[in-house]
Amino acid sequence: MLQANRLPVRGPQCNLLRISERVSTSHCALKAQLHRNVSSLLYIDKGVIVINKPPGLVCQFDKNEEVRLSSPLVKPITKGDVPPFKSFLQDLQRSLQLKRTPIPIHRLDKLTTGAFLVARDIRSARNVSGQFQSPRGVTKKYIALVRGGEKSFPGERGSIANTFVFKDGRVSLVTSEADLLQADKSKEALTEWELLASSPKAPISLVRLNLLTGVKHQLRVHMAKSLHAPILGDTLYSKARLSPKILNVVNVPEGHMYLHAHELSFDRFFPKSHRVTVTAPLPGYFTRLCAKLDITLSSEMTRARVLVDGEEVKGGVKALLEQFNATNEAAPPSLATSTSVARS
């Protein structure tokens, strides 16, 4: 079965990758290369691409690289040593035969996985960037495993609103007037949270987080310092070792932070406005740990989906690729009830 969150890389299905530029089957090796270097394609249209970011990728250029929306092109492909994020974008460009290097619009922390959006051109970059800055623009929802059982939470759902201060690059919550006076800058941060499930075996819970503002490390700070339920694997904002109640029940692999950008919603124009929602399936190490903890995940958390105006697109990204290949127009995909898509 063709997986909606995977790019076909061999045989006649390579023709699906012709989007708006012609690509021959001789480029199939490059398509396979994409799988080794970047994660799964979740959504594509003539202006933007959404991929399922893998853990470990730093989603920003190093200090010697500059990406300006005022420039018609991101830095061209060069030989020699290439920073990981630049290489990531170049692989995406080569694999999809794009005319220019995709333009990053937002960031995800190094160990955070999930839906990550890039623009294919300057106009789209400016449009989506404006939506990220607007309170009613892009909607970002996350799934996380946190340290703490059901009794750790004041209820089934709630919101957190407070002020963050920044000093010498570090982020913390305001606790006094002195914090504000000594800080380099301050920002308001607002998060909505919902308790989805708690493990019957160990004090670990599954939560959904709605990021209403985009402050650096907002979710990590809010969970650790406001709800006192740190995100599992976050060693920056929680120095305490895992309790024996967890370690005696399950082995938590090191090197992972269990925070996943599950859902991204934004406006696109085909030519009138449509609301597009893209969901990224949880990574395997996340789902395996939930299984060991007897935390049940809904099917929506374990498969890729594309919705337009609330209706699911049958076939997900495969349908989008087929339509763009056939029509070469920025029209909205046909809508239908999606069948379940298996994941490897």
C-alpha atoms as a PDB file:
ATOM      1  CA  MET A   1       0.000   0.000   0.000  1.00  0.00           C
ATOM      2  CA  LEU A   2       1.322   3.431  -0.895  1.00  0.00           C
ATOM      3  CA  GLN A   3       1.811   5.389   2.291  1.00  0.00           C
ATOM      4  CA  ALA A   4       0.502   8.920   2.273  1.00  0.00           C
ATOM      5  CA  ASN A   5       3.396  10.150   4.366  1.00  0.00           C
ATOM      6  CA  ARG A   6       6.087   8.579   2.195  1.00  0.00           C
ATOM      7  CA  LEU A   7       7.424   9.589  -1.194  1.00  0.00           C
ATOM      8  CA  PRO A   8       7.371   6.854  -3.863  1.00  0.00           C
ATOM      9  CA  VAL A   9      10.963   6.312  -4.984  1.00  0.00           C
ATOM     10  CA  ARG A  10      10.945   3.688  -7.739  1.00  0.00           C
ATOM     11  CA  GLY A  11       8.992   2.384 -10.693  1.00  0.00           C
ATOM     12  CA  PRO A  12       6.225   4.279 -12.496  1.00  0.00           C
ATOM     13  CA  GLN A  13       5.224   6.049  -9.279  1.00  0.00           C
ATOM     14  CA  CYS A  14       8.243   8.303  -9.748  1.00  0.00           C
ATOM     15  CA  ASN A  15       6.054  10.244 -12.188  1.00  0.00           C
ATOM     16  CA  LEU A  16       4.048  11.497  -9.198  1.00  0.00           C
ATOM     17  CA  LEU A  17       6.992  13.683  -8.293  1.00  0.00           C
ATOM     18  CA  ARG A  18       6.671  15.915 -11.333  1.00  0.00           C
ATOM     19  CA  ILE A  19       4.536  18.478  -9.456  1.00  0.00           C
ATOM     20  CA  SER A  20       4.905  21.602 -11.629  1.00  0.00           C
ATOM     21  CA  GLU A  21       8.360  20.826 -13.061  1.00  0.00           C
ATOM     22  CA  ARG A  22       9.133  17.805 -15.232  1.00  0.00           C
ATOM     23  CA  VAL A  23      11.128  15.066 -13.549  1.00  0.00           C
ATOM     24  CA  SER A  24      12.258  11.897 -15.284  1.00  0.00           C
ATOM     25  CA  THR A  25      12.653   8.450 -13.725  1.00  0.00           C
ATOM     26  CA  SER A  26      16.426   8.919 -13.924  1.00  0.00           C
ATOM     27  CA  HIS A  27      16.090  11.008 -10.755  1.00  0.00           C
ATOM     28  CA  CYS A  28      14.809   8.086  -8.680  1.00  0.00           C
ATOM     29  CA  ALA A  29      18.181   7.745  -6.936  1.00  0.00           C
ATOM     30  CA  LEU A  30      17.807  11.282  -5.685  1.00  0.00           C
ATOM     31  CA  LYS A  31      14.347  10.486  -4.364  1.00  0.00           C
ATOM     32  CA  ALA A  32      15.840   7.615  -2.364  1.00  0.00           C
ATOM     33  CA  GLN A  33      18.494  10.017  -1.098  1.00  0.00           C
ATOM     34  CA  LEU A  34      15.740  12.178   0.372  1.00  0.00           C
ATOM     35  CA  HIS A  35      14.711   9.310   2.638  1.00  0.00           C
ATOM     36  CA  ARG A  36      18.215   9.037   4.029  1.00  0.00           C
ATOM     37  CA  ASN A  37      18.612  12.730   4.758  1.00  0.00           C
ATOM     38  CA  VAL A  38      15.199  14.224   5.462  1.00  0.00           C
ATOM     39  CA  SER A  39      11.930  12.952   6.828  1.00  0.00           C
ATOM     40  CA  SER A  40       8.616  12.245   5.164  1.00  0.00           C
ATOM     41  CA  LEU A  41       6.752  14.625   2.906  1.00  0.00           C
ATOM     42  CA  LEU A  42       3.375  15.474   4.435  1.00  0.00           C
ATOM     43  CA  TYR A  43       2.009  18.227   2.161  1.00  0.00           C
ATOM     44  CA  ILE A  44       2.955  20.154  -0.972  1.00  0.00           C
ATOM     45  CA  ASP A  45       1.415  22.836  -3.153  1.00  0.00           C
ATOM     46  CA  LYS A  46       2.867  25.479  -5.457  1.00  0.00           C
ATOM     47  CA  GLY A  47       3.895  27.694  -2.571  1.00  0.00           C
ATOM     48  CA  VAL A  48       4.662  25.600   0.522  1.00  0.00           C
ATOM     49  CA  ILE A  49       5.891  22.192   1.650  1.00  0.00           C
ATOM     50  CA  VAL A  50       5.348  20.477   5.008  1.00  0.00           C
ATOM     51  CA  ILE A  51       7.625  17.662   6.092  1.00  0.00           C
ATOM     52  CA  ASN A  52       7.778  15.443   9.171  1.00  0.00           C
ATOM     53  CA  LYS A  53      10.969  16.694  10.836  1.00  0.00           C
ATOM     54  CA  PRO A  54      13.233  13.998  12.288  1.00  0.00           C
ATOM     55  CA  PRO A  55      14.849  14.326  15.719  1.00  0.00           C
ATOM     56  CA  GLY A  56      18.344  15.789  15.880  1.00  0.00           C
ATOM     57  CA  LEU A  57      17.969  18.342  13.076  1.00  0.00           C
ATOM     58  CA  VAL A  58      18.684  21.947  14.056  1.00  0.00           C
ATOM     59  CA  CYS A  59      16.175  24.048  12.102  1.00  0.00           C
ATOM     60  CA  GLN A  60      18.230  27.180  11.674  1.00  0.00           C
ATOM     61  CA  PHE A  61      21.281  28.270   9.736  1.00  0.00           C
ATOM     62  CA  ASP A  62      24.597  28.721  11.459  1.00  0.00           C
ATOM     63  CA  LYS A  63      25.801  32.247  12.177  1.00  0.00           C
ATOM     64  CA  ASN A  64      27.743  32.456   8.905  1.00  0.00           C
ATOM     65  CA  GLU A  65      24.659  31.851   6.772  1.00  0.00           C
ATOM     66  CA  GLU A  66      21.967  34.396   6.041  1.00  0.00           C
ATOM     67  CA  VAL A  67      18.489  33.856   4.635  1.00  0.00           C
ATOM     68  CA  ARG A  68      16.599  37.035   3.848  1.00  0.00           C
ATOM     69  CA  LEU A  69      13.027  37.203   2.588  1.00  0.00           C
ATOM     70  CA  SER A  70      14.052  40.262   0.577  1.00  0.00           C
ATOM     71  CA  SER A  71      16.426  38.105  -1.470  1.00  0.00           C
ATOM     72  CA  PRO A  72      15.048  36.252  -4.517  1.00  0.00           C
ATOM     73  CA  LEU A  73      17.054  33.137  -3.679  1.00  0.00           C
ATOM     74  CA  VAL A  74      18.457  31.359  -0.704  1.00  0.00           C
ATOM     75  CA  LYS A  75      22.198  30.729  -1.003  1.00  0.00           C
ATOM     76  CA  PRO A  76      22.922  28.494  -4.015  1.00  0.00           C
ATOM     77  CA  ILE A  77      24.116  24.924  -3.670  1.00  0.00           C
ATOM     78  CA  THR A  78      27.873  24.783  -3.127  1.00  0.00           C
ATOM     79  CA  LYS A  79      30.399  21.974  -2.989  1.00  0.00           C
ATOM     80  CA  GLY A  80      32.334  20.948   0.072  1.00  0.00           C
ATOM     81  CA  ASP A  81      31.166  20.935   3.656  1.00  0.00           C
ATOM     82  CA  VAL A  82      27.507  21.902   3.975  1.00  0.00           C
ATOM     83  CA  PRO A  83      25.847  22.654   7.340  1.00  0.00           C
ATOM     84  CA  PRO A  84      23.210  20.005   8.231  1.00  0.00           C
ATOM     85  CA  PHE A  85      20.189  22.287   7.891  1.00  0.00           C
ATOM     86  CA  LYS A  86      21.348  23.715   4.591  1.00  0.00           C
ATOM     87  CA  SER A  87      22.043  20.186   3.353  1.00  0.00           C
ATOM     88  CA  PHE A  88      18.550  19.190   4.486  1.00  0.00           C
ATOM     89  CA  LEU A  89      16.976  21.972   2.386  1.00  0.00           C
ATOM     90  CA  GLN A  90      19.193  21.253  -0.604  1.00  0.00           C
ATOM     91  CA  ASP A  91      18.236  17.567  -0.521  1.00  0.00           C
ATOM     92  CA  LEU A  92      14.596  18.604  -0.548  1.00  0.00           C
ATOM     93  CA  GLN A  93      15.243  20.931  -3.483  1.00  0.00           C
ATOM     94  CA  ARG A  94      17.045  18.245  -5.500  1.00  0.00           C
ATOM     95  CA  SER A  95      14.550  15.517  -4.700  1.00  0.00           C
ATOM     96  CA  LEU A  96      11.519  17.545  -5.777  1.00  0.00           C
ATOM     97  CA  GLN A  97      13.411  19.336  -8.558  1.00  0.00           C
ATOM     98  CA  LEU A  98      12.510  22.755  -7.165  1.00  0.00           C
ATOM     99  CA  LYS A  99      13.794  25.911  -8.843  1.00  0.00           C
ATOM    100  CA  ARG A 100      15.194  27.294  -5.587  1.00  0.00           C
ATOM    101  CA  THR A 101      16.146  26.161  -2.129  1.00  0.00           C
ATOM    102  CA  PRO A 102      13.092  26.047   0.172  1.00  0.00           C
ATOM    103  CA  ILE A 103      12.835  28.937   2.621  1.00  0.00           C
ATOM    104  CA  PRO A 104      12.378  28.096   6.335  1.00  0.00           C
ATOM    105  CA  ILE A 105       9.514  30.024   7.971  1.00  0.00           C
ATOM    106  CA  HIS A 106       9.666  28.852  11.586  1.00  0.00           C
ATOM    107  CA  ARG A 107      11.747  26.682  13.886  1.00  0.00           C
ATOM    108  CA  LEU A 108      11.455  23.473  15.845  1.00  0.00           C
ATOM    109  CA  ASP A 109      13.898  22.601  18.609  1.00  0.00           C
ATOM    110  CA  LYS A 110      16.622  20.108  17.767  1.00  0.00           C
ATOM    111  CA  LEU A 111      14.976  17.143  19.501  1.00  0.00           C
ATOM    112  CA  THR A 112      11.386  18.127  18.633  1.00  0.00           C
ATOM    113  CA  THR A 113       9.843  16.149  15.792  1.00  0.00           C
ATOM    114  CA  GLY A 114       6.832  16.778  13.570  1.00  0.00           C
ATOM    115  CA  ALA A 115       5.237  19.154  11.087  1.00  0.00           C
ATOM    116  CA  PHE A 116       7.742  21.661   9.720  1.00  0.00           C
ATOM    117  CA  LEU A 117       6.816  24.147   6.983  1.00  0.00           C
ATOM    118  CA  VAL A 118       9.055  25.668   4.320  1.00  0.00           C
ATOM    119  CA  ALA A 119       8.130  27.985   1.446  1.00  0.00           C
ATOM    120  CA  ARG A 120       8.928  27.430  -2.222  1.00  0.00           C
ATOM    121  CA  ASP A 121       9.135  31.115  -3.150  1.00  0.00           C
ATOM    122  CA  ILE A 122       9.464  34.573  -1.627  1.00  0.00           C
ATOM    123  CA  ARG A 123       5.804  35.512  -2.035  1.00  0.00           C
ATOM    124  CA  SER A 124       4.614  32.410  -0.202  1.00  0.00           C
ATOM    125  CA  ALA A 125       7.293  32.897   2.444  1.00  0.00           C
ATOM    126  CA  ARG A 126       6.040  36.402   3.195  1.00  0.00           C
ATOM    127  CA  ASN A 127       2.409  35.280   3.266  1.00  0.00           C
ATOM    128  CA  VAL A 128       2.909  32.329   5.623  1.00  0.00           C
ATOM    129  CA  SER A 129       5.388  34.248   7.761  1.00  0.00           C
ATOM    130  CA  GLY A 130       2.697  36.873   8.283  1.00  0.00           C
ATOM    131  CA  GLN A 131       0.287  34.147   9.365  1.00  0.00           C
ATOM    132  CA  PHE A 132       2.798  32.893  11.949  1.00  0.00           C
ATOM    133  CA  GLN A 133       2.933  36.403  13.395  1.00  0.00           C
ATOM    134  CA  SER A 134      -0.864  36.770  13.538  1.00  0.00           C
ATOM    135  CA  PRO A 135      -2.847  35.551  16.590  1.00  0.00           C
ATOM    136  CA  ARG A 136      -5.490  34.120  14.233  1.00  0.00           C
ATOM    137  CA  GLY A 137      -2.993  32.808  11.693  1.00  0.00           C
ATOM    138  CA  VAL A 138      -1.188  29.495  11.964  1.00  0.00           C
ATOM    139  CA  THR A 139      -2.471  26.972  14.512  1.00  0.00           C
ATOM    140  CA  LYS A 140       0.179  24.733  16.106  1.00  0.00           C
ATOM    141  CA  LYS A 141      -0.719  21.718  18.233  1.00  0.00           C
ATOM    142  CA  TYR A 142       1.751  19.375  19.891  1.00  0.00           C
ATOM    143  CA  ILE A 143       1.645  15.933  21.530  1.00  0.00           C
ATOM    144  CA  ALA A 144       3.982  15.257  24.457  1.00  0.00           C
ATOM    145  CA  LEU A 145       4.808  12.674  27.077  1.00  0.00           C
ATOM    146  CA  VAL A 146       5.407  14.360  30.426  1.00  0.00           C
ATOM    147  CA  ARG A 147       6.663  13.287  33.823  1.00  0.00           C
ATOM    148  CA  GLY A 148       3.720  13.083  36.204  1.00  0.00           C
ATOM    149  CA  GLY A 149       0.599  10.999  36.636  1.00  0.00           C
ATOM    150  CA  GLU A 150      -3.038  12.056  36.540  1.00  0.00           C
ATOM    151  CA  LYS A 151      -2.881  13.549  40.043  1.00  0.00           C
ATOM    152  CA  SER A 152      -0.110  15.908  38.930  1.00  0.00           C
ATOM    153  CA  PHE A 153      -2.628  17.973  36.944  1.00  0.00           C
ATOM    154  CA  PRO A 154      -5.228  20.389  38.350  1.00  0.00           C
ATOM    155  CA  GLY A 155      -7.845  19.043  35.954  1.00  0.00           C
ATOM    156  CA  GLU A 156      -8.386  17.615  32.484  1.00  0.00           C
ATOM    157  CA  ARG A 157      -7.497  20.833  30.657  1.00  0.00           C
ATOM    158  CA  GLY A 158      -6.455  24.390  31.249  1.00  0.00           C
ATOM    159  CA  SER A 159      -4.324  27.285  30.075  1.00  0.00           C
ATOM    160  CA  ILE A 160      -1.054  28.858  31.162  1.00  0.00           C
ATOM    161  CA  ALA A 161      -0.396  32.578  30.750  1.00  0.00           C
ATOM    162  CA  ASN A 162       2.680  34.312  32.106  1.00  0.00           C
ATOM    163  CA  THR A 163       5.700  36.389  31.148  1.00  0.00           C
ATOM    164  CA  PHE A 164       9.025  35.039  29.950  1.00  0.00           C
ATOM    165  CA  VAL A 165      12.252  36.959  30.435  1.00  0.00           C
ATOM    166  CA  PHE A 166      15.448  36.574  28.450  1.00  0.00           C
ATOM    167  CA  LYS A 167      18.892  37.170  29.900  1.00  0.00           C
ATOM    168  CA  ASP A 168      22.136  36.234  28.116  1.00  0.00           C
ATOM    169  CA  GLY A 169      20.179  33.896  25.841  1.00  0.00           C
ATOM    170  CA  ARG A 170      18.511  32.023  28.710  1.00  0.00           C
ATOM    171  CA  VAL A 171      14.748  31.786  29.176  1.00  0.00           C
ATOM    172  CA  SER A 172      12.931  31.888  32.513  1.00  0.00           C
ATOM    173  CA  LEU A 173       9.615  32.898  34.077  1.00  0.00           C
ATOM    174  CA  VAL A 174       9.083  36.216  35.771  1.00  0.00           C
ATOM    175  CA  THR A 175       8.976  35.783  39.549  1.00  0.00           C
ATOM    176  CA  SER A 176       9.566  39.373  40.649  1.00  0.00           C
ATOM    177  CA  GLU A 177       9.857  42.964  39.430  1.00  0.00           C
ATOM    178  CA  ALA A 178      13.617  42.567  39.583  1.00  0.00           C
ATOM    179  CA  ASP A 179      13.450  39.862  36.906  1.00  0.00           C
ATOM    180  CA  LEU A 180      11.882  42.348  34.482  1.00  0.00           C
ATOM    181  CA  LEU A 181      14.372  45.084  35.300  1.00  0.00           C
ATOM    182  CA  GLN A 182      17.387  42.825  34.864  1.00  0.00           C
ATOM    183  CA  ALA A 183      16.180  41.054  31.711  1.00  0.00           C
ATOM    184  CA  ASP A 184      17.331  41.853  28.187  1.00  0.00           C
ATOM    185  CA  LYS A 185      13.705  41.548  27.040  1.00  0.00           C
ATOM    186  CA  SER A 186      10.392  39.996  28.034  1.00  0.00           C
ATOM    187  CA  LYS A 187       7.484  38.348  26.172  1.00  0.00           C
ATOM    188  CA  GLU A 188       4.005  37.137  27.067  1.00  0.00           C
ATOM    189  CA  ALA A 189       3.448  33.392  26.606  1.00  0.00           C
ATOM    190  CA  LEU A 190       0.134  31.529  26.376  1.00  0.00           C
ATOM    191  CA  THR A 191      -0.380  27.779  26.133  1.00  0.00           C
ATOM    192  CA  GLU A 192      -3.517  25.625  26.285  1.00  0.00           C
ATOM    193  CA  TRP A 193      -3.098  22.074  27.568  1.00  0.00           C
ATOM    194  CA  GLU A 194      -5.240  18.940  27.696  1.00  0.00           C
ATOM    195  CA  LEU A 195      -4.570  15.724  29.577  1.00  0.00           C
ATOM    196  CA  LEU A 196      -5.226  12.873  27.134  1.00  0.00           C
ATOM    197  CA  ALA A 197      -4.132   9.828  29.143  1.00  0.00           C
ATOM    198  CA  SER A 198      -1.978   8.687  32.042  1.00  0.00           C
ATOM    199  CA  SER A 199      -0.054   5.440  32.289  1.00  0.00           C
ATOM    200  CA  PRO A 200      -1.418   2.888  34.767  1.00  0.00           C
ATOM    201  CA  LYS A 201       2.140   1.594  35.193  1.00  0.00           C
ATOM    202  CA  ALA A 202       4.270   4.686  35.805  1.00  0.00           C
ATOM    203  CA  PRO A 203       3.851   8.428  36.502  1.00  0.00           C
ATOM    204  CA  ILE A 204       3.937   9.493  32.853  1.00  0.00           C
ATOM    205  CA  SER A 205       1.094  11.221  31.002  1.00  0.00           C
ATOM    206  CA  LEU A 206       0.171  12.067  27.425  1.00  0.00           C
ATOM    207  CA  VAL A 207      -0.865  15.675  26.793  1.00  0.00           C
ATOM    208  CA  ARG A 208      -1.952  17.841  23.885  1.00  0.00           C
ATOM    209  CA  LEU A 209      -0.514  21.367  23.835  1.00  0.00           C
ATOM    210  CA  ASN A 210      -1.862  24.275  21.820  1.00  0.00           C
ATOM    211  CA  LEU A 211       0.858  26.856  21.211  1.00  0.00           C
ATOM    212  CA  LEU A 212      -0.934  30.212  21.152  1.00  0.00           C
ATOM    213  CA  THR A 213       2.220  32.320  21.199  1.00  0.00           C
ATOM    214  CA  GLY A 214       5.610  31.503  19.759  1.00  0.00           C
ATOM    215  CA  VAL A 215       8.101  32.223  22.518  1.00  0.00           C
ATOM    216  CA  LYS A 216      11.418  30.343  22.615  1.00  0.00           C
ATOM    217  CA  HIS A 217      11.110  27.042  24.520  1.00  0.00           C
ATOM    218  CA  GLN A 218       7.582  28.036  25.558  1.00  0.00           C
ATOM    219  CA  LEU A 219       6.098  24.547  25.885  1.00  0.00           C
ATOM    220  CA  ARG A 220       9.132  23.170  27.662  1.00  0.00           C
ATOM    221  CA  VAL A 221       9.189  25.984  30.215  1.00  0.00           C
ATOM    222  CA  HIS A 222       5.423  25.931  30.767  1.00  0.00           C
ATOM    223  CA  MET A 223       5.339  22.199  31.397  1.00  0.00           C
ATOM    224  CA  ALA A 224       8.397  22.171  33.666  1.00  0.00           C
ATOM    225  CA  LYS A 225       7.967  25.422  35.576  1.00  0.00           C
ATOM    226  CA  SER A 226       4.206  26.111  35.522  1.00  0.00           C
ATOM    227  CA  LEU A 227       2.566  22.672  35.561  1.00  0.00           C
ATOM    228  CA  HIS A 228       5.604  20.977  37.159  1.00  0.00           C
ATOM    229  CA  ALA A 229       5.246  18.119  34.684  1.00  0.00           C
ATOM    230  CA  PRO A 230       8.418  18.337  32.563  1.00  0.00           C
ATOM    231  CA  ILE A 231       8.467  16.935  29.068  1.00  0.00           C
ATOM    232  CA  LEU A 232      10.073  13.505  29.127  1.00  0.00           C
ATOM    233  CA  GLY A 233      13.643  13.749  27.866  1.00  0.00           C
ATOM    234  CA  ASP A 234      13.970  17.504  28.447  1.00  0.00           C
ATOM    235  CA  THR A 235      17.198  17.803  30.414  1.00  0.00           C
ATOM    236  CA  LEU A 236      17.482  21.575  30.073  1.00  0.00           C
ATOM    237  CA  TYR A 237      14.461  22.554  32.164  1.00  0.00           C
ATOM    238  CA  SER A 238      14.403  19.500  34.412  1.00  0.00           C
ATOM    239  CA  LYS A 239      17.676  18.356  35.947  1.00  0.00           C
ATOM    240  CA  ALA A 240      16.066  15.757  38.217  1.00  0.00           C
ATOM    241  CA  ARG A 241      16.700  12.130  37.366  1.00  0.00           C
ATOM    242  CA  LEU A 242      13.804   9.869  36.463  1.00  0.00           C
ATOM    243  CA  SER A 243      12.187   8.388  39.535  1.00  0.00           C
ATOM    244  CA  PRO A 244      12.420   4.658  40.341  1.00  0.00           C
ATOM    245  CA  LYS A 245       8.649   4.501  39.733  1.00  0.00           C
ATOM    246  CA  ILE A 246       9.474   5.079  36.075  1.00  0.00           C
ATOM    247  CA  LEU A 247      12.847   3.333  35.762  1.00  0.00           C
ATOM    248  CA  ASN A 248      11.601   0.146  37.463  1.00  0.00           C
ATOM    249  CA  VAL A 249       8.785  -0.141  34.932  1.00  0.00           C
ATOM    250  CA  VAL A 250      10.182   0.946  31.581  1.00  0.00           C
ATOM    251  CA  ASN A 251      13.475   1.745  29.897  1.00  0.00           C
ATOM    252  CA  VAL A 252      13.329   5.317  28.560  1.00  0.00           C
ATOM    253  CA  PRO A 253      15.840   5.628  25.673  1.00  0.00           C
ATOM    254  CA  GLU A 254      18.318   8.480  26.055  1.00  0.00           C
ATOM    255  CA  GLY A 255      18.727  11.147  23.416  1.00  0.00           C
ATOM    256  CA  HIS A 256      15.014  11.663  22.753  1.00  0.00           C
ATOM    257  CA  MET A 257      12.674  14.416  23.875  1.00  0.00           C
ATOM    258  CA  TYR A 258       9.049  13.351  23.669  1.00  0.00           C
ATOM    259  CA  LEU A 259       7.624  16.511  22.115  1.00  0.00           C
ATOM    260  CA  HIS A 260       6.021  16.244  18.684  1.00  0.00           C
ATOM    261  CA  ALA A 261       4.530  18.975  16.460  1.00  0.00           C
ATOM    262  CA  HIS A 262       1.455  16.976  15.541  1.00  0.00           C
ATOM    263  CA  GLU A 263      -0.776  19.455  13.723  1.00  0.00           C
ATOM    264  CA  LEU A 264      -0.208  22.577  11.646  1.00  0.00           C
ATOM    265  CA  SER A 265      -3.076  24.640  10.170  1.00  0.00           C
ATOM    266  CA  PHE A 266      -2.688  27.594   7.819  1.00  0.00           C
ATOM    267  CA  ASP A 267      -4.507  29.464   5.045  1.00  0.00           C
ATOM    268  CA  ARG A 268      -3.843  28.855   1.361  1.00  0.00           C
ATOM    269  CA  PHE A 269      -5.399  30.468  -1.701  1.00  0.00           C
ATOM    270  CA  PHE A 270      -6.639  28.365  -4.658  1.00  0.00           C
ATOM    271  CA  PRO A 271      -7.458  31.216  -5.620  1.00  0.00           C
ATOM    272  CA  LYS A 272      -9.895  31.819  -2.739  1.00  0.00           C
ATOM    273  CA  SER A 273      -8.918  31.126   0.855  1.00  0.00           C
ATOM    274  CA  HIS A 274      -8.959  27.550   2.168  1.00  0.00           C
ATOM    275  CA  ARG A 275      -7.866  26.318   5.586  1.00  0.00           C
ATOM    276  CA  VAL A 276      -5.307  23.526   5.255  1.00  0.00           C
ATOM    277  CA  THR A 277      -4.524  21.251   8.210  1.00  0.00           C
ATOM    278  CA  VAL A 278      -1.595  18.828   8.106  1.00  0.00           C
ATOM    279  CA  THR A 279      -0.979  16.187  10.765  1.00  0.00           C
ATOM    280  CA  ALA A 280       2.348  14.433  11.310  1.00  0.00           C
ATOM    281  CA  PRO A 281       2.399  10.868  12.671  1.00  0.00           C
ATOM    282  CA  LEU A 282       4.294  10.262  15.890  1.00  0.00           C
ATOM    283  CA  PRO A 283       7.806   8.789  15.526  1.00  0.00           C
ATOM    284  CA  GLY A 284       8.323   5.117  16.236  1.00  0.00           C
ATOM    285  CA  TYR A 285      10.233   5.538  19.504  1.00  0.00           C
ATOM    286  CA  PHE A 286       7.322   7.632  20.832  1.00  0.00           C
ATOM    287  CA  THR A 287       4.639   5.077  19.940  1.00  0.00           C
ATOM    288  CA  ARG A 288       6.720   2.173  21.246  1.00  0.00           C
ATOM    289  CA  LEU A 289       7.166   3.815  24.631  1.00  0.00           C
ATOM    290  CA  CYS A 290       3.436   4.554  24.839  1.00  0.00           C
ATOM    291  CA  ALA A 291       2.718   0.877  24.142  1.00  0.00           C
ATOM    292  CA  LYS A 292       5.042  -0.191  26.968  1.00  0.00           C
ATOM    293  CA  LEU A 293       3.315   2.263  29.301  1.00  0.00           C
ATOM    294  CA  ASP A 294      -0.177   1.081  28.288  1.00  0.00           C
ATOM    295  CA  ILE A 295      -1.028   4.536  26.923  1.00  0.00           C
ATOM    296  CA  THR A 296      -3.487   4.143  24.055  1.00  0.00           C
ATOM    297  CA  LEU A 297      -2.954   6.389  21.032  1.00  0.00           C
ATOM    298  CA  SER A 298      -5.739   7.369  18.657  1.00  0.00           C
ATOM    299  CA  SER A 299      -5.340   6.454  14.986  1.00  0.00           C
ATOM    300  CA  GLU A 300      -5.102  10.169  14.145  1.00  0.00           C
ATOM    301  CA  MET A 301      -1.822  10.349  16.056  1.00  0.00           C
ATOM    302  CA  THR A 302      -0.174   7.542  14.097  1.00  0.00           C
ATOM    303  CA  ARG A 303      -0.900   8.440  10.480  1.00  0.00           C
ATOM    304  CA  ALA A 304      -0.411  11.406   8.197  1.00  0.00           C
ATOM    305  CA  ARG A 305      -3.486  13.396   7.197  1.00  0.00           C
ATOM    306  CA  VAL A 306      -4.278  16.411   5.046  1.00  0.00           C
ATOM    307  CA  LEU A 307      -7.560  18.283   5.570  1.00  0.00           C
ATOM    308  CA  VAL A 308      -8.917  21.184   3.535  1.00  0.00           C
ATOM    309  CA  ASP A 309     -11.646  23.226   5.229  1.00  0.00           C
ATOM    310  CA  GLY A 310     -12.075  20.412   7.726  1.00  0.00           C
ATOM    311  CA  GLU A 311     -12.543  17.628   5.166  1.00  0.00           C
ATOM    312  CA  GLU A 312      -9.897  14.949   4.838  1.00  0.00           C
ATOM    313  CA  VAL A 313      -8.156  14.471   1.503  1.00  0.00           C
ATOM    314  CA  LYS A 314      -8.265  10.864   0.412  1.00  0.00           C
ATOM    315  CA  GLY A 315      -4.746   9.562  -0.097  1.00  0.00           C
ATOM    316  CA  GLY A 316      -3.082  12.524   1.602  1.00  0.00           C
ATOM    317  CA  VAL A 317       0.087  13.702  -0.101  1.00  0.00           C
ATOM    318  CA  LYS A 318      -0.265  11.082  -2.858  1.00  0.00           C
ATOM    319  CA  ALA A 319      -3.491  12.748  -3.955  1.00  0.00           C
ATOM    320  CA  LEU A 320      -1.817  16.145  -3.935  1.00  0.00           C
ATOM    321  CA  LEU A 321       1.089  14.904  -6.026  1.00  0.00           C
ATOM    322  CA  GLU A 322      -1.240  13.264  -8.532  1.00  0.00           C
ATOM    323  CA  GLN A 323      -3.356  16.383  -8.884  1.00  0.00           C
ATOM    324  CA  PHE A 324      -0.430  18.730  -9.383  1.00  0.00           C
ATOM    325  CA  ASN A 325       1.108  16.290 -11.833  1.00  0.00           C
ATOM    326  CA  ALA A 326      -2.135  16.109 -13.816  1.00  0.00           C
ATOM    327  CA  THR A 327      -3.340  19.716 -13.745  1.00  0.00           C
ATOM    328  CA  ASN A 328      -0.224  21.791 -13.062  1.00  0.00           C
ATOM    329  CA  GLU A 329      -2.557  24.234 -11.334  1.00  0.00           C
ATOM    330  CA  ALA A 330      -2.783  25.479  -7.766  1.00  0.00           C
ATOM    331  CA  ALA A 331      -6.304  24.168  -7.285  1.00  0.00           C
ATOM    332  CA  PRO A 332      -7.582  22.622  -4.061  1.00  0.00           C
ATOM    333  CA  PRO A 333      -7.459  18.819  -3.989  1.00  0.00           C
ATOM    334  CA  SER A 334     -10.641  16.814  -4.375  1.00  0.00           C
ATOM    335  CA  LEU A 335     -12.096  15.976  -1.000  1.00  0.00           C
ATOM    336  CA  ALA A 336     -13.212  12.558   0.148  1.00  0.00           C
ATOM    337  CA  THR A 337     -13.224  10.419   3.236  1.00  0.00           C
ATOM    338  CA  SER A 338      -9.741   9.046   3.763  1.00  0.00           C
ATOM    339  CA  THR A 339      -9.038   5.378   4.202  1.00  0.00           C
ATOM    340  CA  SER A 340      -6.670   4.314   6.953  1.00  0.00           C
ATOM    341  CA  VAL A 341      -3.006   4.516   5.992  1.00  0.00           C
ATOM    342  CA  ALA A 342      -0.559   2.025   7.419  1.00  0.00           C
ATOM    343  CA  ARG A 343       2.781   3.116   8.834  1.00  0.00           C
ATOM    344  CA  SER A 344       6.012   1.194   8.881  1.00  0.00           C
END
